[in-house]
Amino acid sequence: MQPAFGPLPDDLRLALELFDTAQALRDRRGEWALVQQHSKLSLASNQAHRIRTGKLVAFRPAGAFEAKARKNRDKANGESEVWARFVGLPPMEAA
């Protein structure tokens, strides 16, 4: 295995994109939006779970967002998608 040298990827850029996505969903409460595509359904399912449970900080509190993974049937390569929407704060958080 040969090392590939280069600058370390910018984690801050990715984090900012997640916060921007979460805010866009908050701004259009209840509307489903395609938030990301993945090469495998398992990766999309994992990200959808992390959104629903608030494991991704941008999508907290847990339960404020719904997220689903779907296989993109239009793509022959089996690409999958993550769809999400903001549903509001869970009952204990709303008070």
C-alpha atoms as a PDB file:
ATOM      1  CA  MET A   1       0.000   0.000   0.000  1.00  0.00           C
ATOM      2  CA  GLN A   2       1.387   3.369  -0.995  1.00  0.00           C
ATOM      3  CA  PRO A   3       0.698   6.404   1.184  1.00  0.00           C
ATOM      4  CA  ALA A   4      -1.180   9.288  -0.403  1.00  0.00           C
ATOM      5  CA  PHE A   5       0.124  12.607   0.852  1.00  0.00           C
ATOM      6  CA  GLY A   6      -1.926  15.772   0.961  1.00  0.00           C
ATOM      7  CA  PRO A   7      -3.652  18.190   3.282  1.00  0.00           C
ATOM      8  CA  LEU A   8      -5.857  16.786   6.021  1.00  0.00           C
ATOM      9  CA  PRO A   9      -9.551  17.060   5.006  1.00  0.00           C
ATOM     10  CA  ASP A  10     -11.371  19.946   6.630  1.00  0.00           C
ATOM     11  CA  ASP A  11     -13.770  18.580   9.301  1.00  0.00           C
ATOM     12  CA  LEU A  12     -15.063  22.088   9.951  1.00  0.00           C
ATOM     13  CA  ARG A  13     -16.356  22.385   6.374  1.00  0.00           C
ATOM     14  CA  LEU A  14     -18.319  19.131   6.721  1.00  0.00           C
ATOM     15  CA  ALA A  15     -19.725  20.184  10.107  1.00  0.00           C
ATOM     16  CA  LEU A  16     -20.857  23.531   8.681  1.00  0.00           C
ATOM     17  CA  GLU A  17     -22.580  21.763   5.782  1.00  0.00           C
ATOM     18  CA  LEU A  18     -24.480  19.577   8.260  1.00  0.00           C
ATOM     19  CA  PHE A  19     -25.606  22.613  10.276  1.00  0.00           C
ATOM     20  CA  ASP A  20     -26.679  24.380   7.059  1.00  0.00           C
ATOM     21  CA  THR A  21     -28.677  21.311   6.009  1.00  0.00           C
ATOM     22  CA  ALA A  22     -30.351  21.019   9.416  1.00  0.00           C
ATOM     23  CA  GLN A  23     -31.259  24.729   9.373  1.00  0.00           C
ATOM     24  CA  ALA A  24     -32.725  24.461   5.863  1.00  0.00           C
ATOM     25  CA  LEU A  25     -34.932  21.601   7.101  1.00  0.00           C
ATOM     26  CA  ARG A  26     -36.013  23.661  10.139  1.00  0.00           C
ATOM     27  CA  ASP A  27     -36.939  26.527   7.831  1.00  0.00           C
ATOM     28  CA  ARG A  28     -39.306  24.250   5.878  1.00  0.00           C
ATOM     29  CA  ARG A  29     -40.828  22.212   8.685  1.00  0.00           C
ATOM     30  CA  GLY A  30     -42.539  18.999   7.627  1.00  0.00           C
ATOM     31  CA  GLU A  31     -41.130  18.935   4.076  1.00  0.00           C
ATOM     32  CA  TRP A  32     -38.990  15.983   3.020  1.00  0.00           C
ATOM     33  CA  ALA A  33     -35.668  16.789   1.377  1.00  0.00           C
ATOM     34  CA  LEU A  34     -32.879  14.744  -0.132  1.00  0.00           C
ATOM     35  CA  VAL A  35     -29.895  15.424   2.124  1.00  0.00           C
ATOM     36  CA  GLN A  36     -27.213  13.053   0.838  1.00  0.00           C
ATOM     37  CA  GLN A  37     -26.460  10.172  -1.513  1.00  0.00           C
ATOM     38  CA  HIS A  38     -24.375   7.129  -0.653  1.00  0.00           C
ATOM     39  CA  SER A  39     -22.931   4.238  -2.622  1.00  0.00           C
ATOM     40  CA  LYS A  40     -24.564   1.641  -0.341  1.00  0.00           C
ATOM     41  CA  LEU A  41     -27.925   1.376   1.393  1.00  0.00           C
ATOM     42  CA  SER A  42     -26.169   0.435   4.651  1.00  0.00           C
ATOM     43  CA  LEU A  43     -24.306   3.773   4.671  1.00  0.00           C
ATOM     44  CA  ALA A  44     -27.507   5.690   3.990  1.00  0.00           C
ATOM     45  CA  SER A  45     -29.345   3.760   6.725  1.00  0.00           C
ATOM     46  CA  ASN A  46     -26.581   4.545   9.201  1.00  0.00           C
ATOM     47  CA  GLN A  47     -26.722   8.251   8.442  1.00  0.00           C
ATOM     48  CA  ALA A  48     -30.532   8.301   8.680  1.00  0.00           C
ATOM     49  CA  HIS A  49     -30.276   6.648  12.107  1.00  0.00           C
ATOM     50  CA  ARG A  50     -27.698   9.220  13.242  1.00  0.00           C
ATOM     51  CA  ILE A  51     -30.012  12.049  12.145  1.00  0.00           C
ATOM     52  CA  ARG A  52     -33.086  10.601  13.915  1.00  0.00           C
ATOM     53  CA  THR A  53     -31.253   9.908  17.159  1.00  0.00           C
ATOM     54  CA  GLY A  54     -29.353  13.199  17.305  1.00  0.00           C
ATOM     55  CA  LYS A  55     -25.946  11.509  17.080  1.00  0.00           C
ATOM     56  CA  LEU A  56     -25.108  14.227  14.564  1.00  0.00           C
ATOM     57  CA  VAL A  57     -24.996  17.408  16.661  1.00  0.00           C
ATOM     58  CA  ALA A  58     -26.594  19.525  13.931  1.00  0.00           C
ATOM     59  CA  PHE A  59     -29.748  17.393  14.142  1.00  0.00           C
ATOM     60  CA  ARG A  60     -30.347  17.622  17.897  1.00  0.00           C
ATOM     61  CA  PRO A  61     -32.403  17.149  19.956  1.00  0.00           C
ATOM     62  CA  ALA A  62     -33.084  13.520  19.190  1.00  0.00           C
ATOM     63  CA  GLY A  63     -36.526  13.090  17.686  1.00  0.00           C
ATOM     64  CA  ALA A  64     -36.724  16.548  16.151  1.00  0.00           C
ATOM     65  CA  PHE A  65     -35.972  15.127  12.699  1.00  0.00           C
ATOM     66  CA  GLU A  66     -37.287  12.142  10.792  1.00  0.00           C
ATOM     67  CA  ALA A  67     -34.927  10.473   8.335  1.00  0.00           C
ATOM     68  CA  LYS A  68     -35.267   7.571   5.904  1.00  0.00           C
ATOM     69  CA  ALA A  69     -32.845   5.712   3.670  1.00  0.00           C
ATOM     70  CA  ARG A  70     -34.094   4.751   0.230  1.00  0.00           C
ATOM     71  CA  LYS A  71     -32.478   2.841  -2.610  1.00  0.00           C
ATOM     72  CA  ASN A  72     -32.445   4.997  -5.732  1.00  0.00           C
ATOM     73  CA  ARG A  73     -34.172   2.780  -8.274  1.00  0.00           C
ATOM     74  CA  ASP A  74     -33.237   5.152 -11.107  1.00  0.00           C
ATOM     75  CA  LYS A  75     -29.542   4.362 -10.648  1.00  0.00           C
ATOM     76  CA  ALA A  76     -28.226   1.036 -11.934  1.00  0.00           C
ATOM     77  CA  ASN A  77     -25.264   1.102  -9.515  1.00  0.00           C
ATOM     78  CA  GLY A  78     -27.442   0.714  -6.398  1.00  0.00           C
ATOM     79  CA  GLU A  79     -26.888   4.239  -5.112  1.00  0.00           C
ATOM     80  CA  SER A  80     -28.945   5.086  -2.029  1.00  0.00           C
ATOM     81  CA  GLU A  81     -30.316   8.319  -0.640  1.00  0.00           C
ATOM     82  CA  VAL A  82     -30.998   9.858   2.742  1.00  0.00           C
ATOM     83  CA  TRP A  83     -34.205  11.865   3.017  1.00  0.00           C
ATOM     84  CA  ALA A  84     -35.020  13.906   6.116  1.00  0.00           C
ATOM     85  CA  ARG A  85     -37.468  16.436   7.500  1.00  0.00           C
ATOM     86  CA  PHE A  86     -37.819  18.556  10.611  1.00  0.00           C
ATOM     87  CA  VAL A  87     -40.910  17.600  12.611  1.00  0.00           C
ATOM     88  CA  GLY A  88     -40.391  19.834  15.627  1.00  0.00           C
ATOM     89  CA  LEU A  89     -39.130  19.438  19.114  1.00  0.00           C
ATOM     90  CA  PRO A  90     -40.132  16.330  21.050  1.00  0.00           C
ATOM     91  CA  PRO A  91     -42.906  16.985  23.627  1.00  0.00           C
ATOM     92  CA  MET A  92     -40.529  17.315  26.619  1.00  0.00           C
ATOM     93  CA  GLU A  93     -38.351  19.812  24.713  1.00  0.00           C
ATOM     94  CA  ALA A  94     -41.234  21.975  23.493  1.00  0.00           C
ATOM     95  CA  ALA A  95     -42.288  23.166  26.958  1.00  0.00           C
END
